[in-house]
Amino acid sequence: METAAGQFVTITLNVPQAGVYDVKVAVKKYTTRGIVQLSIQGSNVGPAEDQYSASEAWQELDLGSVTLACRQPAVQIHDYRQKTLRAADSRRLMTILS
């Protein structure tokens, strides 16, 4: 599944307990990537990120802390300028650390 501009992918996370978590995202920048925005529980987390790169490059982004109200929060990755955002790739992007 791929998205187009204005669409999003929703992922449900499983965390040990509700509370404050540090959100880090590993992204693969590439020629087929666009601008995306991460949101958790309906609120944007960090800035919109341009994932375009002339060559393949991995980058870890520290998006700061977020308070999760439940153990299975909904995470959305919004596609602002479509290149390619597949659901399978999106699942590999997320790392949330307590």
N, C-alpha and C. Protein backbone atom coordinates (compact mmCIF):
# COMPACT_ATOMS: atom_id res chain seq x y z
N MET A 1 0.83 -1.18 0.00
CA MET A 1 0.00 0.00 0.00
C MET A 1 0.88 1.24 0.00
N GLU A 2 0.60 2.17 -0.88
CA GLU A 2 1.31 3.44 -0.92
C GLU A 2 0.32 4.56 -0.70
N THR A 3 0.82 5.69 -0.22
CA THR A 3 -0.04 6.83 0.02
C THR A 3 0.18 7.89 -1.04
N ALA A 4 -0.77 8.79 -1.14
CA ALA A 4 -0.65 9.98 -1.98
C ALA A 4 -0.67 11.19 -1.05
N ALA A 5 -0.31 12.35 -1.59
CA ALA A 5 -0.29 13.57 -0.78
C ALA A 5 -1.62 13.74 -0.07
N GLY A 6 -1.56 14.06 1.21
CA GLY A 6 -2.77 14.27 2.01
C GLY A 6 -3.28 13.01 2.70
N GLN A 7 -2.75 11.86 2.36
CA GLN A 7 -3.17 10.61 3.00
C GLN A 7 -2.26 10.30 4.18
N PHE A 8 -2.60 9.23 4.92
CA PHE A 8 -1.78 8.84 6.06
C PHE A 8 -1.89 7.35 6.30
N VAL A 9 -0.93 6.84 7.06
CA VAL A 9 -0.90 5.45 7.50
C VAL A 9 -1.07 5.48 9.01
N THR A 10 -1.93 4.62 9.56
CA THR A 10 -2.13 4.54 11.01
C THR A 10 -1.55 3.23 11.53
N ILE A 11 -0.79 3.33 12.59
CA ILE A 11 -0.16 2.18 13.24
C ILE A 11 -0.58 2.21 14.71
N THR A 12 -0.93 1.08 15.28
CA THR A 12 -1.21 1.00 16.71
C THR A 12 0.01 0.44 17.41
N LEU A 13 0.53 1.18 18.37
CA LEU A 13 1.69 0.74 19.13
C LEU A 13 1.26 -0.02 20.37
N ASN A 14 2.15 -0.83 20.88
CA ASN A 14 1.96 -1.50 22.16
C ASN A 14 3.10 -1.05 23.07
N VAL A 15 2.76 -0.33 24.15
CA VAL A 15 3.75 0.12 25.11
C VAL A 15 3.43 -0.50 26.46
N PRO A 16 4.43 -0.64 27.36
CA PRO A 16 4.21 -1.32 28.64
C PRO A 16 3.13 -0.69 29.50
N GLN A 17 3.06 0.66 29.50
CA GLN A 17 2.07 1.35 30.31
C GLN A 17 1.91 2.77 29.81
N ALA A 18 0.79 3.40 30.16
CA ALA A 18 0.59 4.81 29.84
C ALA A 18 1.65 5.61 30.58
N GLY A 19 2.08 6.73 30.01
CA GLY A 19 3.09 7.56 30.66
C GLY A 19 3.83 8.41 29.66
N VAL A 20 4.95 8.98 30.08
CA VAL A 20 5.76 9.85 29.23
C VAL A 20 6.84 9.01 28.54
N TYR A 21 6.95 9.17 27.23
CA TYR A 21 7.93 8.44 26.43
C TYR A 21 8.72 9.39 25.54
N ASP A 22 9.98 9.06 25.31
CA ASP A 22 10.81 9.78 24.36
C ASP A 22 10.57 9.13 22.99
N VAL A 23 10.28 9.94 21.98
CA VAL A 23 9.97 9.42 20.65
C VAL A 23 11.16 9.62 19.73
N LYS A 24 11.68 8.51 19.21
CA LYS A 24 12.75 8.55 18.22
C LYS A 24 12.28 7.79 17.00
N VAL A 25 12.58 8.33 15.83
CA VAL A 25 12.15 7.73 14.59
C VAL A 25 13.37 7.56 13.69
N ALA A 26 13.57 6.36 13.18
CA ALA A 26 14.62 6.11 12.20
C ALA A 26 13.97 6.17 10.82
N VAL A 27 14.51 7.01 9.94
CA VAL A 27 13.95 7.15 8.61
C VAL A 27 14.99 6.83 7.55
N LYS A 28 14.51 6.26 6.47
CA LYS A 28 15.37 6.00 5.31
C LYS A 28 15.09 7.10 4.30
N LYS A 29 16.06 7.98 4.12
CA LYS A 29 15.93 9.05 3.13
C LYS A 29 16.33 8.48 1.77
N TYR A 30 15.60 8.92 0.73
CA TYR A 30 15.88 8.38 -0.60
C TYR A 30 15.20 9.26 -1.65
N THR A 31 15.47 9.02 -2.90
CA THR A 31 14.92 9.83 -3.99
C THR A 31 13.41 9.70 -4.12
N THR A 32 12.84 8.62 -3.62
CA THR A 32 11.39 8.39 -3.75
C THR A 32 10.61 8.85 -2.53
N ARG A 33 11.24 9.53 -1.59
CA ARG A 33 10.58 9.93 -0.36
C ARG A 33 10.07 11.37 -0.45
N GLY A 34 9.10 11.69 0.42
CA GLY A 34 8.52 13.02 0.44
C GLY A 34 8.59 13.62 1.83
N ILE A 35 7.68 14.54 2.13
CA ILE A 35 7.61 15.20 3.42
C ILE A 35 6.52 14.52 4.24
N VAL A 36 6.86 14.11 5.47
CA VAL A 36 5.90 13.43 6.33
C VAL A 36 5.84 14.09 7.70
N GLN A 37 4.71 13.90 8.38
CA GLN A 37 4.51 14.43 9.73
C GLN A 37 3.98 13.29 10.61
N LEU A 38 4.63 13.06 11.73
CA LEU A 38 4.20 12.04 12.69
C LEU A 38 3.21 12.66 13.67
N SER A 39 2.12 11.95 13.94
CA SER A 39 1.20 12.39 14.99
C SER A 39 0.87 11.19 15.86
N ILE A 40 0.71 11.45 17.15
CA ILE A 40 0.34 10.42 18.12
C ILE A 40 -0.87 10.92 18.88
N GLN A 41 -1.91 10.09 18.94
CA GLN A 41 -3.14 10.43 19.63
C GLN A 41 -3.72 11.74 19.12
N GLY A 42 -3.56 12.02 17.82
CA GLY A 42 -4.14 13.19 17.20
C GLY A 42 -3.33 14.47 17.28
N SER A 43 -2.14 14.44 17.91
CA SER A 43 -1.29 15.63 18.03
C SER A 43 0.02 15.43 17.31
N ASN A 44 0.45 16.44 16.55
CA ASN A 44 1.74 16.35 15.85
C ASN A 44 2.87 16.21 16.85
N VAL A 45 3.85 15.40 16.49
CA VAL A 45 5.04 15.19 17.31
C VAL A 45 6.24 15.59 16.46
N GLY A 46 6.96 16.60 16.89
CA GLY A 46 8.10 17.09 16.13
C GLY A 46 7.66 17.80 14.86
N PRO A 47 8.64 18.30 14.09
CA PRO A 47 8.32 19.02 12.85
C PRO A 47 8.05 18.05 11.70
N ALA A 48 7.45 18.57 10.62
CA ALA A 48 7.35 17.79 9.39
C ALA A 48 8.77 17.55 8.89
N GLU A 49 9.04 16.35 8.39
CA GLU A 49 10.38 15.98 7.97
C GLU A 49 10.43 15.67 6.48
N ASP A 50 11.38 16.29 5.79
CA ASP A 50 11.60 16.01 4.37
C ASP A 50 12.52 14.81 4.29
N GLN A 51 12.02 13.69 3.77
CA GLN A 51 12.80 12.46 3.70
C GLN A 51 13.48 12.27 2.35
N TYR A 52 13.48 13.30 1.50
CA TYR A 52 14.16 13.19 0.20
C TYR A 52 15.67 13.25 0.40
N SER A 53 16.39 12.42 -0.37
CA SER A 53 17.84 12.45 -0.44
C SER A 53 18.25 11.93 -1.81
N ALA A 54 19.29 12.50 -2.39
CA ALA A 54 19.77 12.07 -3.71
C ALA A 54 20.30 10.64 -3.67
N SER A 55 20.70 10.17 -2.48
CA SER A 55 21.15 8.79 -2.32
C SER A 55 20.58 8.24 -1.02
N GLU A 56 20.56 6.93 -0.89
CA GLU A 56 20.02 6.29 0.31
C GLU A 56 20.80 6.70 1.54
N ALA A 57 20.10 7.12 2.59
CA ALA A 57 20.74 7.51 3.84
C ALA A 57 19.77 7.28 4.99
N TRP A 58 20.25 6.67 6.08
CA TRP A 58 19.42 6.48 7.27
C TRP A 58 19.71 7.60 8.26
N GLN A 59 18.66 8.06 8.94
CA GLN A 59 18.80 9.11 9.92
C GLN A 59 17.88 8.83 11.09
N GLU A 60 18.38 9.06 12.32
CA GLU A 60 17.53 8.93 13.50
C GLU A 60 17.12 10.32 13.95
N LEU A 61 15.84 10.52 14.15
CA LEU A 61 15.30 11.81 14.58
C LEU A 61 14.77 11.67 16.00
N ASP A 62 15.17 12.56 16.89
CA ASP A 62 14.63 12.59 18.24
C ASP A 62 13.53 13.64 18.26
N LEU A 63 12.28 13.22 18.36
CA LEU A 63 11.14 14.12 18.26
C LEU A 63 10.67 14.63 19.62
N GLY A 64 11.37 14.29 20.68
CA GLY A 64 11.02 14.79 22.00
C GLY A 64 10.13 13.84 22.78
N SER A 65 9.57 14.35 23.84
CA SER A 65 8.74 13.54 24.73
C SER A 65 7.26 13.69 24.41
N VAL A 66 6.51 12.64 24.66
CA VAL A 66 5.06 12.66 24.47
C VAL A 66 4.43 11.85 25.61
N THR A 67 3.28 12.33 26.08
CA THR A 67 2.54 11.60 27.10
C THR A 67 1.52 10.70 26.42
N LEU A 68 1.64 9.41 26.63
CA LEU A 68 0.71 8.44 26.05
C LEU A 68 -0.36 8.13 27.09
N ALA A 69 -1.61 8.34 26.71
CA ALA A 69 -2.72 8.17 27.64
C ALA A 69 -3.17 6.72 27.78
N CYS A 70 -2.69 5.86 26.87
CA CYS A 70 -3.11 4.45 26.92
C CYS A 70 -1.95 3.56 26.48
N ARG A 71 -2.13 2.26 26.59
CA ARG A 71 -1.07 1.31 26.23
C ARG A 71 -1.03 1.00 24.74
N GLN A 72 -2.04 1.39 23.99
CA GLN A 72 -2.08 1.13 22.55
C GLN A 72 -2.46 2.41 21.80
N PRO A 73 -1.57 3.42 21.80
CA PRO A 73 -1.90 4.67 21.13
C PRO A 73 -1.87 4.53 19.60
N ALA A 74 -2.71 5.31 18.94
CA ALA A 74 -2.71 5.35 17.48
C ALA A 74 -1.65 6.34 17.02
N VAL A 75 -0.80 5.90 16.11
CA VAL A 75 0.25 6.73 15.53
C VAL A 75 -0.07 6.87 14.06
N GLN A 76 -0.02 8.10 13.56
CA GLN A 76 -0.26 8.34 12.14
C GLN A 76 0.95 9.00 11.52
N ILE A 77 1.26 8.59 10.31
CA ILE A 77 2.31 9.23 9.51
C ILE A 77 1.60 9.85 8.32
N HIS A 78 1.59 11.19 8.29
CA HIS A 78 0.89 11.94 7.25
C HIS A 78 1.83 12.26 6.11
N ASP A 79 1.37 12.10 4.89
CA ASP A 79 2.16 12.32 3.69
C ASP A 79 1.78 13.68 3.10
N TYR A 80 2.68 14.67 3.22
CA TYR A 80 2.39 16.02 2.73
C TYR A 80 2.78 16.22 1.27
N ARG A 81 3.82 15.61 0.85
CA ARG A 81 4.24 15.69 -0.55
C ARG A 81 4.59 14.28 -0.97
N GLN A 82 3.72 13.65 -1.71
CA GLN A 82 3.84 12.23 -2.00
C GLN A 82 5.07 11.90 -2.82
N LYS A 83 5.79 10.97 -2.34
CA LYS A 83 6.78 10.23 -3.12
C LYS A 83 6.37 8.77 -2.91
N THR A 84 6.87 8.14 -1.85
CA THR A 84 6.45 6.78 -1.51
C THR A 84 6.43 6.62 0.00
N LEU A 85 5.33 6.19 0.53
CA LEU A 85 5.22 5.86 1.95
C LEU A 85 4.37 4.60 2.02
N ARG A 86 5.01 3.49 2.29
CA ARG A 86 4.30 2.22 2.35
C ARG A 86 4.06 1.85 3.80
N ALA A 87 2.94 1.19 4.07
CA ALA A 87 2.61 0.79 5.44
C ALA A 87 3.71 -0.08 6.03
N ALA A 88 4.27 -0.99 5.26
CA ALA A 88 5.32 -1.87 5.78
C ALA A 88 6.55 -1.06 6.19
N ASP A 89 6.93 -0.05 5.41
CA ASP A 89 8.06 0.81 5.78
C ASP A 89 7.74 1.58 7.04
N SER A 90 6.51 2.06 7.17
CA SER A 90 6.12 2.87 8.31
C SER A 90 6.25 2.11 9.61
N ARG A 91 5.93 0.84 9.61
CA ARG A 91 6.03 0.04 10.83
C ARG A 91 7.48 -0.06 11.30
N ARG A 92 8.42 -0.04 10.36
CA ARG A 92 9.83 -0.14 10.73
C ARG A 92 10.41 1.19 11.20
N LEU A 93 9.71 2.30 11.02
CA LEU A 93 10.22 3.60 11.37
C LEU A 93 10.24 3.88 12.87
N MET A 94 9.31 3.31 13.60
CA MET A 94 9.04 3.76 14.96
C MET A 94 9.88 3.07 16.03
N THR A 95 10.47 3.87 16.90
CA THR A 95 11.07 3.37 18.13
C THR A 95 10.64 4.33 19.21
N ILE A 96 9.93 3.87 20.20
CA ILE A 96 9.54 4.72 21.32
C ILE A 96 10.21 4.18 22.57
N LEU A 97 10.96 5.04 23.22
CA LEU A 97 11.72 4.64 24.40
C LEU A 97 11.18 5.34 25.63
N SER A 98 11.13 4.62 26.74
CA SER A 98 10.67 5.26 27.98
C SER A 98 11.84 5.97 28.63
